[in-house]
Amino acid sequence: MKILVAEDDSITRRIVESTLGKLGWDVITAADGNAAWGILQEMEGGNRPELAILDWMMPGMDGLEICQRLRSTPGFELMYVILLTMRTEKEDLVTALAAGANDYITKPFDPVELEARVRVGERMVRLQTALAAQVRDLEDALAHVRRLQGLLPICSYCKKVRNEQNYWEQVERYLVTRSDLQLTHSVCPSCMERVMKEIDEPAG
């Protein structure tokens, strides 16, 4: 997973980068908010970070503003965001979550806690990715389904249906040519019983 770390304090930035790098994550760093937003704007599609750790207070654009921009910018709405800050009041947590942050870590942080919170974010990213793939598959499937709508005249005796050209045709042919259905033939219980009686009846 690719992670963007935006932190203006160089020591904290290096600690976060080193901690996450040793755990196998691909880390991109920025020294302030403007640089972080520029990195996000330059990277395209699958190359964009899937998780961002943003310092709340930074020169230029702060972490809270970046978070708000992410939530209102197409393509970034689902990025997992962790705010990093020295603020500890409950009101601060409410403000961070209201801005769209997914999580919140206070300074000075424990590297073990950082790892745990990032792993939670990683699980959420994977779930969102899997869900998005399922939604795309469902949309593709629905796009290929041609729906039969309206009234369909059907003969009460032979069960043929009348098509749009006013011709009568077998119902299975009608369905197959107008949908993605693949029919398989079987024998229902009542027909099976009737056929078996006809077979068992003596000839003549």
C-alpha atoms as a PDB file:
ATOM      1  CA  MET A   1       0.000   0.000   0.000  1.00  0.00           C
ATOM      2  CA  LYS A   2       1.223   3.496  -0.850  1.00  0.00           C
ATOM      3  CA  ILE A   3       1.093   6.066   1.977  1.00  0.00           C
ATOM      4  CA  LEU A   4       1.503   9.844   1.837  1.00  0.00           C
ATOM      5  CA  VAL A   5       3.025  11.424   4.956  1.00  0.00           C
ATOM      6  CA  ALA A   6       2.720  15.222   5.235  1.00  0.00           C
ATOM      7  CA  GLU A   7       4.554  16.654   8.268  1.00  0.00           C
ATOM      8  CA  ASP A   8       6.462  19.942   8.555  1.00  0.00           C
ATOM      9  CA  ASP A   9       8.604  18.772  11.481  1.00  0.00           C
ATOM     10  CA  SER A  10      11.527  16.963   9.846  1.00  0.00           C
ATOM     11  CA  ILE A  11      12.252  14.689  12.831  1.00  0.00           C
ATOM     12  CA  THR A  12       8.648  13.526  13.157  1.00  0.00           C
ATOM     13  CA  ARG A  13       8.455  13.066   9.388  1.00  0.00           C
ATOM     14  CA  ARG A  14      11.543  10.873   9.353  1.00  0.00           C
ATOM     15  CA  ILE A  15      10.285   8.793  12.285  1.00  0.00           C
ATOM     16  CA  VAL A  16       6.949   8.152  10.569  1.00  0.00           C
ATOM     17  CA  GLU A  17       8.641   7.390   7.249  1.00  0.00           C
ATOM     18  CA  SER A  18      11.157   5.018   8.848  1.00  0.00           C
ATOM     19  CA  THR A  19       8.524   3.221  10.945  1.00  0.00           C
ATOM     20  CA  LEU A  20       6.198   2.599   8.006  1.00  0.00           C
ATOM     21  CA  GLY A  21       9.015   1.828   5.569  1.00  0.00           C
ATOM     22  CA  LYS A  22      10.406  -0.912   7.801  1.00  0.00           C
ATOM     23  CA  LEU A  23       6.959  -2.495   7.858  1.00  0.00           C
ATOM     24  CA  GLY A  24       6.954  -2.779   4.065  1.00  0.00           C
ATOM     25  CA  TRP A  25       4.753   0.126   3.033  1.00  0.00           C
ATOM     26  CA  ASP A  26       5.654   2.462   0.177  1.00  0.00           C
ATOM     27  CA  VAL A  27       5.974   5.928   1.764  1.00  0.00           C
ATOM     28  CA  ILE A  28       5.916   9.311   0.031  1.00  0.00           C
ATOM     29  CA  THR A  29       6.698  12.383   2.140  1.00  0.00           C
ATOM     30  CA  ALA A  30       5.879  16.079   1.942  1.00  0.00           C
ATOM     31  CA  ALA A  31       7.226  18.894   4.150  1.00  0.00           C
ATOM     32  CA  ASP A  32       4.055  20.997   4.120  1.00  0.00           C
ATOM     33  CA  GLY A  33       0.426  20.989   3.076  1.00  0.00           C
ATOM     34  CA  ASN A  34       0.891  22.652  -0.283  1.00  0.00           C
ATOM     35  CA  ALA A  35       3.538  20.106  -1.285  1.00  0.00           C
ATOM     36  CA  ALA A  36       1.265  17.277  -0.145  1.00  0.00           C
ATOM     37  CA  TRP A  37      -1.664  18.549  -2.201  1.00  0.00           C
ATOM     38  CA  GLY A  38       0.618  19.031  -5.195  1.00  0.00           C
ATOM     39  CA  ILE A  39       1.789  15.417  -4.964  1.00  0.00           C
ATOM     40  CA  LEU A  40      -1.799  14.192  -4.836  1.00  0.00           C
ATOM     41  CA  GLN A  41      -2.736  16.301  -7.852  1.00  0.00           C
ATOM     42  CA  GLU A  42       0.215  15.090  -9.925  1.00  0.00           C
ATOM     43  CA  MET A  43      -0.255  11.378  -9.293  1.00  0.00           C
ATOM     44  CA  GLU A  44      -2.838   9.614 -11.412  1.00  0.00           C
ATOM     45  CA  GLY A  45      -5.284   6.773 -10.806  1.00  0.00           C
ATOM     46  CA  GLY A  46      -3.685   3.642  -9.394  1.00  0.00           C
ATOM     47  CA  ASN A  47      -0.433   5.486  -8.607  1.00  0.00           C
ATOM     48  CA  ARG A  48      -2.090   7.682  -5.997  1.00  0.00           C
ATOM     49  CA  PRO A  49      -1.547   6.944  -2.297  1.00  0.00           C
ATOM     50  CA  GLU A  50      -4.361   4.948  -0.745  1.00  0.00           C
ATOM     51  CA  LEU A  51      -3.759   6.315   2.751  1.00  0.00           C
ATOM     52  CA  ALA A  52      -2.566   9.702   4.005  1.00  0.00           C
ATOM     53  CA  ILE A  53      -1.104  10.693   7.358  1.00  0.00           C
ATOM     54  CA  LEU A  54      -1.458  14.460   7.648  1.00  0.00           C
ATOM     55  CA  ASP A  55      -0.137  16.778  10.337  1.00  0.00           C
ATOM     56  CA  TRP A  56      -2.984  19.016  11.443  1.00  0.00           C
ATOM     57  CA  MET A  57      -0.889  22.206  11.733  1.00  0.00           C
ATOM     58  CA  MET A  58       1.362  22.860   8.728  1.00  0.00           C
ATOM     59  CA  PRO A  59       2.517  25.939   6.803  1.00  0.00           C
ATOM     60  CA  GLY A  60       0.254  26.868   3.931  1.00  0.00           C
ATOM     61  CA  MET A  61      -2.515  24.293   3.681  1.00  0.00           C
ATOM     62  CA  ASP A  62      -3.033  22.437   6.953  1.00  0.00           C
ATOM     63  CA  GLY A  63      -4.060  18.794   7.350  1.00  0.00           C
ATOM     64  CA  LEU A  64      -7.672  19.658   8.068  1.00  0.00           C
ATOM     65  CA  GLU A  65      -7.999  21.673   4.847  1.00  0.00           C
ATOM     66  CA  ILE A  66      -6.377  18.881   2.802  1.00  0.00           C
ATOM     67  CA  CYS A  67      -8.814  16.406   4.316  1.00  0.00           C
ATOM     68  CA  GLN A  68     -11.777  18.626   3.404  1.00  0.00           C
ATOM     69  CA  ARG A  69     -10.480  18.992  -0.154  1.00  0.00           C
ATOM     70  CA  LEU A  70     -10.031  15.246  -0.497  1.00  0.00           C
ATOM     71  CA  ARG A  71     -13.640  14.604   0.491  1.00  0.00           C
ATOM     72  CA  SER A  72     -14.906  17.060  -2.137  1.00  0.00           C
ATOM     73  CA  THR A  73     -12.568  16.090  -5.011  1.00  0.00           C
ATOM     74  CA  PRO A  74     -13.583  13.278  -7.384  1.00  0.00           C
ATOM     75  CA  GLY A  75     -11.167  10.364  -7.184  1.00  0.00           C
ATOM     76  CA  PHE A  76     -10.037  11.140  -3.634  1.00  0.00           C
ATOM     77  CA  GLU A  77     -13.286  10.747  -1.669  1.00  0.00           C
ATOM     78  CA  LEU A  78     -12.399   7.289  -0.342  1.00  0.00           C
ATOM     79  CA  MET A  79      -8.764   7.920   0.604  1.00  0.00           C
ATOM     80  CA  TYR A  80      -8.162   6.840   4.198  1.00  0.00           C
ATOM     81  CA  VAL A  81      -6.928   9.832   6.226  1.00  0.00           C
ATOM     82  CA  ILE A  82      -5.216   9.835   9.617  1.00  0.00           C
ATOM     83  CA  LEU A  83      -4.622  13.239  11.232  1.00  0.00           C
ATOM     84  CA  LEU A  84      -1.489  13.647  13.342  1.00  0.00           C
ATOM     85  CA  THR A  85      -1.595  16.413  15.993  1.00  0.00           C
ATOM     86  CA  MET A  86      -0.779  17.552  19.504  1.00  0.00           C
ATOM     87  CA  ARG A  87      -4.414  18.528  20.100  1.00  0.00           C
ATOM     88  CA  THR A  88      -6.073  16.289  22.676  1.00  0.00           C
ATOM     89  CA  GLU A  89      -9.458  17.852  23.433  1.00  0.00           C
ATOM     90  CA  LYS A  90     -12.644  15.987  22.582  1.00  0.00           C
ATOM     91  CA  GLU A  91     -13.769  18.970  20.501  1.00  0.00           C
ATOM     92  CA  ASP A  92     -10.666  18.569  18.358  1.00  0.00           C
ATOM     93  CA  LEU A  93     -11.524  14.949  17.642  1.00  0.00           C
ATOM     94  CA  VAL A  94     -15.040  15.975  16.643  1.00  0.00           C
ATOM     95  CA  THR A  95     -13.642  18.679  14.348  1.00  0.00           C
ATOM     96  CA  ALA A  96     -11.253  16.220  12.692  1.00  0.00           C
ATOM     97  CA  LEU A  97     -13.938  13.608  12.060  1.00  0.00           C
ATOM     98  CA  ALA A  98     -16.380  16.243  10.803  1.00  0.00           C
ATOM     99  CA  ALA A  99     -13.757  17.347   8.261  1.00  0.00           C
ATOM    100  CA  GLY A 100     -13.647  13.795   6.910  1.00  0.00           C
ATOM    101  CA  ALA A 101     -10.708  12.251   8.773  1.00  0.00           C
ATOM    102  CA  ASN A 102     -10.968   8.496   9.373  1.00  0.00           C
ATOM    103  CA  ASP A 103      -8.653   8.417  12.383  1.00  0.00           C
ATOM    104  CA  TYR A 104      -6.647  10.637  14.716  1.00  0.00           C
ATOM    105  CA  ILE A 105      -3.256  10.158  16.429  1.00  0.00           C
ATOM    106  CA  THR A 106      -1.896  12.506  19.093  1.00  0.00           C
ATOM    107  CA  LYS A 107       1.759  13.528  19.421  1.00  0.00           C
ATOM    108  CA  PRO A 108       4.056  12.252  20.728  1.00  0.00           C
ATOM    109  CA  PHE A 109       2.892   8.965  19.243  1.00  0.00           C
ATOM    110  CA  ASP A 110       3.924   5.401  19.954  1.00  0.00           C
ATOM    111  CA  PRO A 111       5.245   3.641  16.805  1.00  0.00           C
ATOM    112  CA  VAL A 112       3.284   0.539  17.815  1.00  0.00           C
ATOM    113  CA  GLU A 113       0.061   2.579  17.895  1.00  0.00           C
ATOM    114  CA  LEU A 114       0.932   4.121  14.543  1.00  0.00           C
ATOM    115  CA  GLU A 115       1.393   0.690  13.021  1.00  0.00           C
ATOM    116  CA  ALA A 116      -1.883  -0.570  14.500  1.00  0.00           C
ATOM    117  CA  ARG A 117      -3.873   2.384  13.184  1.00  0.00           C
ATOM    118  CA  VAL A 118      -2.307   2.159   9.732  1.00  0.00           C
ATOM    119  CA  ARG A 119      -3.116  -1.554   9.596  1.00  0.00           C
ATOM    120  CA  VAL A 120      -6.742  -0.729  10.370  1.00  0.00           C
ATOM    121  CA  GLY A 121      -6.638   1.768   7.518  1.00  0.00           C
ATOM    122  CA  GLU A 122      -5.106  -0.835   5.223  1.00  0.00           C
ATOM    123  CA  ARG A 123      -7.946  -3.263   5.973  1.00  0.00           C
ATOM    124  CA  MET A 124     -10.494  -0.556   5.245  1.00  0.00           C
ATOM    125  CA  VAL A 125      -8.777   0.297   1.953  1.00  0.00           C
ATOM    126  CA  ARG A 126      -8.821  -3.361   0.895  1.00  0.00           C
ATOM    127  CA  LEU A 127     -12.503  -3.691   1.802  1.00  0.00           C
ATOM    128  CA  GLN A 128     -13.375  -0.539  -0.142  1.00  0.00           C
ATOM    129  CA  THR A 129     -11.374  -1.763  -3.141  1.00  0.00           C
ATOM    130  CA  ALA A 130     -13.093  -5.151  -3.079  1.00  0.00           C
ATOM    131  CA  LEU A 131     -16.517  -3.535  -2.730  1.00  0.00           C
ATOM    132  CA  ALA A 132     -15.820  -1.137  -5.595  1.00  0.00           C
ATOM    133  CA  ALA A 133     -14.786  -4.076  -7.804  1.00  0.00           C
ATOM    134  CA  GLN A 134     -17.997  -5.925  -6.945  1.00  0.00           C
ATOM    135  CA  VAL A 135     -20.064  -2.840  -7.737  1.00  0.00           C
ATOM    136  CA  ARG A 136     -18.327  -2.496 -11.116  1.00  0.00           C
ATOM    137  CA  ASP A 137     -18.967  -6.166 -11.880  1.00  0.00           C
ATOM    138  CA  LEU A 138     -22.629  -5.752 -10.972  1.00  0.00           C
ATOM    139  CA  GLU A 139     -22.959  -2.642 -13.120  1.00  0.00           C
ATOM    140  CA  ASP A 140     -21.330  -4.470 -16.051  1.00  0.00           C
ATOM    141  CA  ALA A 141     -23.702  -7.403 -15.601  1.00  0.00           C
ATOM    142  CA  LEU A 142     -26.738  -5.116 -15.476  1.00  0.00           C
ATOM    143  CA  ALA A 143     -25.528  -3.264 -18.561  1.00  0.00           C
ATOM    144  CA  HIS A 144     -25.606  -6.546 -20.531  1.00  0.00           C
ATOM    145  CA  VAL A 145     -29.063  -7.591 -19.382  1.00  0.00           C
ATOM    146  CA  ARG A 146     -31.732  -6.712 -21.869  1.00  0.00           C
ATOM    147  CA  ARG A 147     -35.007  -6.471 -20.001  1.00  0.00           C
ATOM    148  CA  LEU A 148     -38.323  -7.707 -21.378  1.00  0.00           C
ATOM    149  CA  GLN A 149     -40.973  -5.131 -20.581  1.00  0.00           C
ATOM    150  CA  GLY A 150     -44.667  -4.626 -21.246  1.00  0.00           C
ATOM    151  CA  LEU A 151     -47.435  -7.084 -22.092  1.00  0.00           C
ATOM    152  CA  LEU A 152     -46.469 -10.280 -23.921  1.00  0.00           C
ATOM    153  CA  PRO A 153     -49.301 -12.010 -25.858  1.00  0.00           C
ATOM    154  CA  ILE A 154     -49.117 -15.791 -25.418  1.00  0.00           C
ATOM    155  CA  CYS A 155     -51.353 -18.470 -26.917  1.00  0.00           C
ATOM    156  CA  SER A 156     -53.451 -20.229 -24.265  1.00  0.00           C
ATOM    157  CA  TYR A 157     -53.144 -23.555 -26.117  1.00  0.00           C
ATOM    158  CA  CYS A 158     -49.729 -23.946 -27.758  1.00  0.00           C
ATOM    159  CA  LYS A 159     -47.976 -21.338 -25.575  1.00  0.00           C
ATOM    160  CA  LYS A 160     -46.365 -19.559 -28.529  1.00  0.00           C
ATOM    161  CA  VAL A 161     -45.833 -15.824 -28.087  1.00  0.00           C
ATOM    162  CA  ARG A 162     -46.538 -13.028 -30.543  1.00  0.00           C
ATOM    163  CA  ASN A 163     -43.437 -10.972 -31.323  1.00  0.00           C
ATOM    164  CA  GLU A 164     -43.081  -7.339 -32.388  1.00  0.00           C
ATOM    165  CA  GLN A 165     -43.562  -8.270 -36.074  1.00  0.00           C
ATOM    166  CA  ASN A 166     -46.897  -9.902 -35.208  1.00  0.00           C
ATOM    167  CA  TYR A 167     -45.508 -13.413 -35.832  1.00  0.00           C
ATOM    168  CA  TRP A 168     -45.980 -16.300 -33.414  1.00  0.00           C
ATOM    169  CA  GLU A 169     -42.877 -18.121 -32.212  1.00  0.00           C
ATOM    170  CA  GLN A 170     -41.842 -20.584 -29.519  1.00  0.00           C
ATOM    171  CA  VAL A 171     -41.428 -18.929 -26.142  1.00  0.00           C
ATOM    172  CA  GLU A 172     -37.892 -20.264 -25.651  1.00  0.00           C
ATOM    173  CA  ARG A 173     -36.754 -18.803 -28.985  1.00  0.00           C
ATOM    174  CA  TYR A 174     -38.341 -15.491 -28.072  1.00  0.00           C
ATOM    175  CA  LEU A 175     -36.496 -15.344 -24.728  1.00  0.00           C
ATOM    176  CA  VAL A 176     -33.113 -16.463 -26.045  1.00  0.00           C
ATOM    177  CA  THR A 177     -33.041 -13.910 -28.879  1.00  0.00           C
ATOM    178  CA  ARG A 178     -34.015 -11.016 -26.601  1.00  0.00           C
ATOM    179  CA  SER A 179     -31.958 -11.657 -23.476  1.00  0.00           C
ATOM    180  CA  ASP A 180     -28.757 -13.238 -22.222  1.00  0.00           C
ATOM    181  CA  LEU A 181     -30.626 -16.314 -21.040  1.00  0.00           C
ATOM    182  CA  GLN A 182     -29.370 -19.799 -21.842  1.00  0.00           C
ATOM    183  CA  LEU A 183     -32.186 -22.312 -21.531  1.00  0.00           C
ATOM    184  CA  THR A 184     -31.787 -25.898 -20.447  1.00  0.00           C
ATOM    185  CA  HIS A 185     -34.627 -28.346 -20.933  1.00  0.00           C
ATOM    186  CA  SER A 186     -36.040 -30.682 -18.343  1.00  0.00           C
ATOM    187  CA  VAL A 187     -39.394 -32.308 -17.556  1.00  0.00           C
ATOM    188  CA  CYS A 188     -41.667 -31.048 -14.803  1.00  0.00           C
ATOM    189  CA  PRO A 189     -43.269 -33.588 -12.386  1.00  0.00           C
ATOM    190  CA  SER A 190     -46.775 -33.353 -13.852  1.00  0.00           C
ATOM    191  CA  CYS A 191     -45.545 -33.889 -17.405  1.00  0.00           C
ATOM    192  CA  MET A 192     -43.343 -36.740 -16.255  1.00  0.00           C
ATOM    193  CA  GLU A 193     -46.317 -38.407 -14.616  1.00  0.00           C
ATOM    194  CA  ARG A 194     -48.422 -38.017 -17.769  1.00  0.00           C
ATOM    195  CA  VAL A 195     -45.677 -39.369 -20.020  1.00  0.00           C
ATOM    196  CA  MET A 196     -45.082 -42.357 -17.763  1.00  0.00           C
ATOM    197  CA  LYS A 197     -48.801 -43.189 -17.780  1.00  0.00           C
ATOM    198  CA  GLU A 198     -48.828 -43.068 -21.580  1.00  0.00           C
ATOM    199  CA  ILE A 199     -45.821 -45.404 -21.678  1.00  0.00           C
ATOM    200  CA  ASP A 200     -47.405 -47.844 -19.236  1.00  0.00           C
ATOM    201  CA  GLU A 201     -50.775 -47.949 -21.042  1.00  0.00           C
ATOM    202  CA  PRO A 202     -51.120 -51.076 -23.214  1.00  0.00           C
ATOM    203  CA  ALA A 203     -51.121 -50.444 -26.936  1.00  0.00           C
ATOM    204  CA  GLY A 204     -54.331 -50.887 -28.928  1.00  0.00           C
END
